[in-house]
Amino acid sequence: MKKILFVLLVSIVGTGCFAQETIQLPVPQKEGGKPLMMTLNDRHSSRNFTAKDLTDQQLSDLLWAAWGINRPKEGKHTAPSSRNTQEMDVYITTSRGAFRYDPMGNTLIRITADDVRSSAGAQDFVKVAALNLVYVMDKKRTTPTKNETDRMVAASICTGAIVQNVYLWCASEDLGCVVRAMFDKDQLAKALKLSEDQVIIVTQTVGYLQ
């Protein structure tokens, strides 16, 4: 009996389930905010952030705007994906650790409790700002193709739509953000415990402005 329990425990730890924690986010607030044209006028990149954290409500609103489910019956998102493959995952790094966003459940699934924000980019502000969003393509959910470039183009278009959603939400909430390509992909993938089928497309920093 002891041997069976030991094997079961090793199996659970090996799959990462043993330390996994799920945080339920508040229901996203879908009303209010600035008018669209004003938001477009205010949209810009920022690189000077304070260390103030976002609230759970802000996280919920931000992540829903980025890649949330806006048509529950169809399971479709606030950003488009080619052939509705929905190959993208949104990860975040914060002072409380790193998480994967589950849009269906509106939850955060903890990857690590360590503050790995510094792994998300080369600039100093990356480890200070409230969070970094990391946009990850899962090859297992992409449309099979002989041309790897086609798969990357489709994922990049989807990511671009998500990035702009975040820019507009931040402009509406008077928060700063900037999309970034300066980061060590291998280091960040290791920090987020990504598989070989998961490819980081780009990152985006969000936070309060100085």
Protein backbone atom coordinates (compact mmCIF):
# COMPACT_ATOMS: atom_id res chain seq x y z
CA MET A 1 0.00 0.00 0.00
CA LYS A 2 2.82 2.41 0.90
CA LYS A 3 4.51 1.66 -2.42
CA ILE A 4 1.29 2.47 -4.32
CA LEU A 5 0.88 5.79 -2.49
CA PHE A 6 4.52 6.69 -3.17
CA VAL A 7 4.16 5.99 -6.90
CA LEU A 8 0.95 8.03 -6.99
CA LEU A 9 2.65 10.96 -5.26
CA VAL A 10 5.61 10.86 -7.65
CA SER A 11 3.22 10.77 -10.60
CA ILE A 12 1.31 13.81 -9.36
CA VAL A 13 4.45 15.82 -8.68
CA GLY A 14 5.87 14.84 -12.06
CA THR A 15 2.84 16.21 -13.91
CA GLY A 16 3.05 19.52 -12.06
CA CYS A 17 -0.38 19.06 -10.46
CA PHE A 18 0.89 18.81 -6.91
CA ALA A 19 1.89 22.48 -6.61
CA GLN A 20 -0.67 23.88 -9.03
CA GLU A 21 -2.94 26.60 -7.71
CA THR A 22 -5.92 28.17 -9.45
CA ILE A 23 -7.04 31.70 -8.59
CA GLN A 24 -10.57 32.71 -9.52
CA LEU A 25 -10.64 36.25 -10.86
CA PRO A 26 -13.59 38.62 -10.32
CA VAL A 27 -16.18 38.89 -13.08
CA PRO A 28 -14.75 41.33 -15.65
CA GLN A 29 -16.38 44.76 -15.77
CA LYS A 30 -17.54 45.29 -19.34
CA GLU A 31 -19.16 48.69 -18.90
CA GLY A 32 -17.62 52.11 -18.53
CA GLY A 33 -14.25 53.30 -19.73
CA LYS A 34 -13.45 56.01 -22.24
CA PRO A 35 -15.20 56.29 -25.62
CA LEU A 36 -13.44 54.37 -28.39
CA MET A 37 -12.24 57.40 -30.35
CA MET A 38 -10.81 59.01 -27.21
CA THR A 39 -9.09 55.75 -26.32
CA LEU A 40 -7.52 55.52 -29.76
CA ASN A 41 -6.33 59.10 -29.38
CA ASP A 42 -4.73 58.31 -25.99
CA ARG A 43 -3.10 55.02 -27.06
CA HIS A 44 0.69 55.13 -26.77
CA SER A 45 3.74 53.22 -25.49
CA SER A 46 5.24 53.93 -22.06
CA ARG A 47 8.48 52.85 -20.42
CA ASN A 48 8.44 54.53 -17.00
CA PHE A 49 6.51 52.50 -14.44
CA THR A 50 6.01 52.41 -10.69
CA ALA A 51 6.08 49.20 -8.63
CA LYS A 52 2.37 49.41 -7.71
CA ASP A 53 0.49 46.16 -8.34
CA LEU A 54 -2.80 45.91 -10.20
CA THR A 55 -5.87 44.75 -8.28
CA ASP A 56 -7.50 41.41 -9.06
CA GLN A 57 -10.37 43.32 -10.66
CA GLN A 58 -7.95 45.16 -12.94
CA LEU A 59 -6.25 41.88 -13.82
CA SER A 60 -9.61 40.34 -14.70
CA ASP A 61 -10.63 43.31 -16.85
CA LEU A 62 -7.23 43.46 -18.57
CA LEU A 63 -7.03 39.76 -19.37
CA TRP A 64 -10.62 39.62 -20.57
CA ALA A 65 -9.94 42.58 -22.88
CA ALA A 66 -6.78 40.87 -24.12
CA TRP A 67 -8.00 37.33 -24.78
CA GLY A 68 -11.21 36.75 -22.87
CA ILE A 69 -14.34 34.95 -24.02
CA ASN A 70 -16.89 37.41 -25.41
CA ARG A 71 -19.19 34.80 -26.99
CA PRO A 72 -19.58 32.07 -24.35
CA LYS A 73 -21.90 29.86 -26.40
CA GLU A 74 -19.31 29.64 -29.17
CA GLY A 75 -16.24 29.84 -26.94
CA LYS A 76 -14.81 32.68 -29.03
CA HIS A 77 -12.45 35.43 -27.95
CA THR A 78 -12.03 39.19 -27.96
CA ALA A 79 -9.26 38.75 -30.57
CA PRO A 80 -9.44 36.71 -33.80
CA SER A 81 -7.47 33.59 -34.65
CA SER A 82 -6.99 31.99 -38.05
CA ARG A 83 -9.62 29.29 -38.67
CA ASN A 84 -10.60 29.69 -35.01
CA THR A 85 -7.69 27.50 -33.93
CA GLN A 86 -7.27 29.59 -30.74
CA GLU A 87 -3.61 28.60 -30.56
CA MET A 88 -2.56 31.42 -28.24
CA ASP A 89 -2.07 31.35 -24.47
CA VAL A 90 -1.51 34.41 -22.32
CA TYR A 91 0.95 34.14 -19.44
CA ILE A 92 1.71 36.89 -16.93
CA THR A 93 4.65 37.55 -14.62
CA THR A 94 3.92 39.57 -11.47
CA SER A 95 5.33 40.18 -8.01
CA ARG A 96 3.18 37.25 -6.85
CA GLY A 97 4.64 34.84 -9.39
CA ALA A 98 3.89 33.67 -12.92
CA PHE A 99 0.50 32.48 -14.14
CA ARG A 100 -1.30 31.20 -17.20
CA TYR A 101 -4.64 32.82 -17.96
CA ASP A 102 -7.56 30.43 -18.48
CA PRO A 103 -10.15 32.48 -20.42
CA MET A 104 -12.88 29.85 -20.19
CA GLY A 105 -12.84 29.83 -16.40
CA ASN A 106 -11.57 33.42 -16.00
CA THR A 107 -8.87 32.06 -13.72
CA LEU A 108 -5.13 32.30 -13.21
CA ILE A 109 -3.21 29.03 -13.01
CA ARG A 110 -0.01 29.48 -11.04
CA ILE A 111 3.18 28.37 -12.75
CA THR A 112 5.55 29.48 -10.00
CA ALA A 113 5.40 31.60 -6.85
CA ASP A 114 8.79 33.13 -7.69
CA ASP A 115 8.99 36.67 -9.04
CA VAL A 116 10.39 35.99 -12.52
CA ARG A 117 9.59 39.38 -14.04
CA SER A 118 13.28 39.98 -14.76
CA SER A 119 13.18 37.00 -17.15
CA ALA A 120 10.60 38.76 -19.30
CA GLY A 121 12.94 41.32 -20.83
CA ALA A 122 16.26 43.12 -20.94
CA GLN A 123 15.01 46.57 -19.94
CA ASP A 124 15.15 47.65 -16.29
CA PHE A 125 11.47 48.63 -16.13
CA VAL A 126 10.41 45.05 -16.88
CA LYS A 127 11.19 43.87 -13.34
CA VAL A 128 9.51 46.93 -11.76
CA ALA A 129 6.17 47.24 -13.58
CA ALA A 130 3.06 45.51 -12.26
CA LEU A 131 3.11 42.74 -14.82
CA ASN A 132 4.40 41.45 -18.11
CA LEU A 133 2.12 39.62 -20.50
CA VAL A 134 3.76 36.83 -22.49
CA TYR A 135 2.00 35.66 -25.65
CA VAL A 136 2.64 32.00 -26.39
CA MET A 137 1.67 29.94 -29.44
CA ASP A 138 0.90 26.26 -28.87
CA LYS A 139 1.90 24.38 -32.02
CA LYS A 140 -0.38 21.50 -31.08
CA ARG A 141 -3.40 23.76 -31.59
CA THR A 142 -2.32 25.27 -34.92
CA THR A 143 -3.50 24.27 -38.38
CA PRO A 144 -1.15 21.63 -39.84
CA THR A 145 0.98 23.14 -42.60
CA LYS A 146 4.13 22.30 -44.49
CA ASN A 147 5.27 25.92 -44.22
CA GLU A 148 6.39 26.95 -40.73
CA THR A 149 6.22 30.60 -41.80
CA ASP A 150 2.46 30.36 -42.40
CA ARG A 151 1.94 29.13 -38.86
CA MET A 152 4.04 31.94 -37.40
CA VAL A 153 2.26 34.57 -39.49
CA ALA A 154 -1.16 33.39 -38.28
CA ALA A 155 0.00 33.42 -34.65
CA SER A 156 1.58 36.85 -35.08
CA ILE A 157 -1.62 38.33 -36.50
CA CYS A 158 -3.60 36.96 -33.56
CA THR A 159 -0.98 38.28 -31.13
CA GLY A 160 -1.10 41.71 -32.76
CA ALA A 161 -4.84 41.89 -32.15
CA ILE A 162 -4.35 40.90 -28.49
CA VAL A 163 -1.58 43.48 -28.10
CA GLN A 164 -3.82 46.23 -29.43
CA ASN A 165 -6.66 45.17 -27.13
CA VAL A 166 -4.27 45.67 -24.21
CA TYR A 167 -3.11 49.03 -25.51
CA LEU A 168 -6.69 50.26 -25.77
CA TRP A 169 -7.64 48.96 -22.34
CA CYS A 170 -4.60 50.64 -20.78
CA ALA A 171 -5.40 53.92 -22.55
CA SER A 172 -8.95 53.73 -21.22
CA GLU A 173 -7.72 53.07 -17.66
CA ASP A 174 -4.87 55.62 -17.70
CA LEU A 175 -2.27 52.88 -17.31
CA GLY A 176 0.94 52.50 -19.30
CA CYS A 177 2.02 49.64 -21.52
CA VAL A 178 4.57 48.78 -24.18
CA VAL A 179 5.00 45.78 -26.47
CA ARG A 180 8.53 44.34 -26.45
CA ALA A 181 10.69 41.95 -28.42
CA MET A 182 13.87 42.33 -26.32
CA PHE A 183 14.01 39.21 -24.16
CA ASP A 184 15.81 35.90 -23.94
CA LYS A 185 13.29 33.38 -25.27
CA ASP A 186 15.04 30.37 -23.77
CA GLN A 187 15.33 31.96 -20.33
CA LEU A 188 11.70 33.10 -20.32
CA ALA A 189 10.43 29.75 -21.61
CA LYS A 190 12.30 28.02 -18.79
CA ALA A 191 10.89 30.41 -16.17
CA LEU A 192 7.36 29.73 -17.44
CA LYS A 193 8.00 25.98 -17.73
CA LEU A 194 6.92 25.89 -21.36
CA SER A 195 7.01 22.73 -23.47
CA GLU A 196 8.83 22.30 -26.78
CA ASP A 197 5.53 22.85 -28.61
CA GLN A 198 5.07 26.28 -27.03
CA VAL A 199 6.63 29.28 -28.77
CA ILE A 200 6.84 32.79 -27.32
CA ILE A 201 5.80 35.38 -29.90
CA VAL A 202 6.23 38.66 -28.01
CA THR A 203 5.83 40.26 -24.57
CA GLN A 204 4.04 43.35 -23.26
CA THR A 205 4.59 45.31 -20.06
CA VAL A 206 1.70 46.95 -18.17
CA GLY A 207 1.68 49.15 -15.08
CA TYR A 208 1.10 52.47 -13.39
CA LEU A 209 3.01 55.39 -14.83
CA GLN A 210 5.57 57.38 -12.87
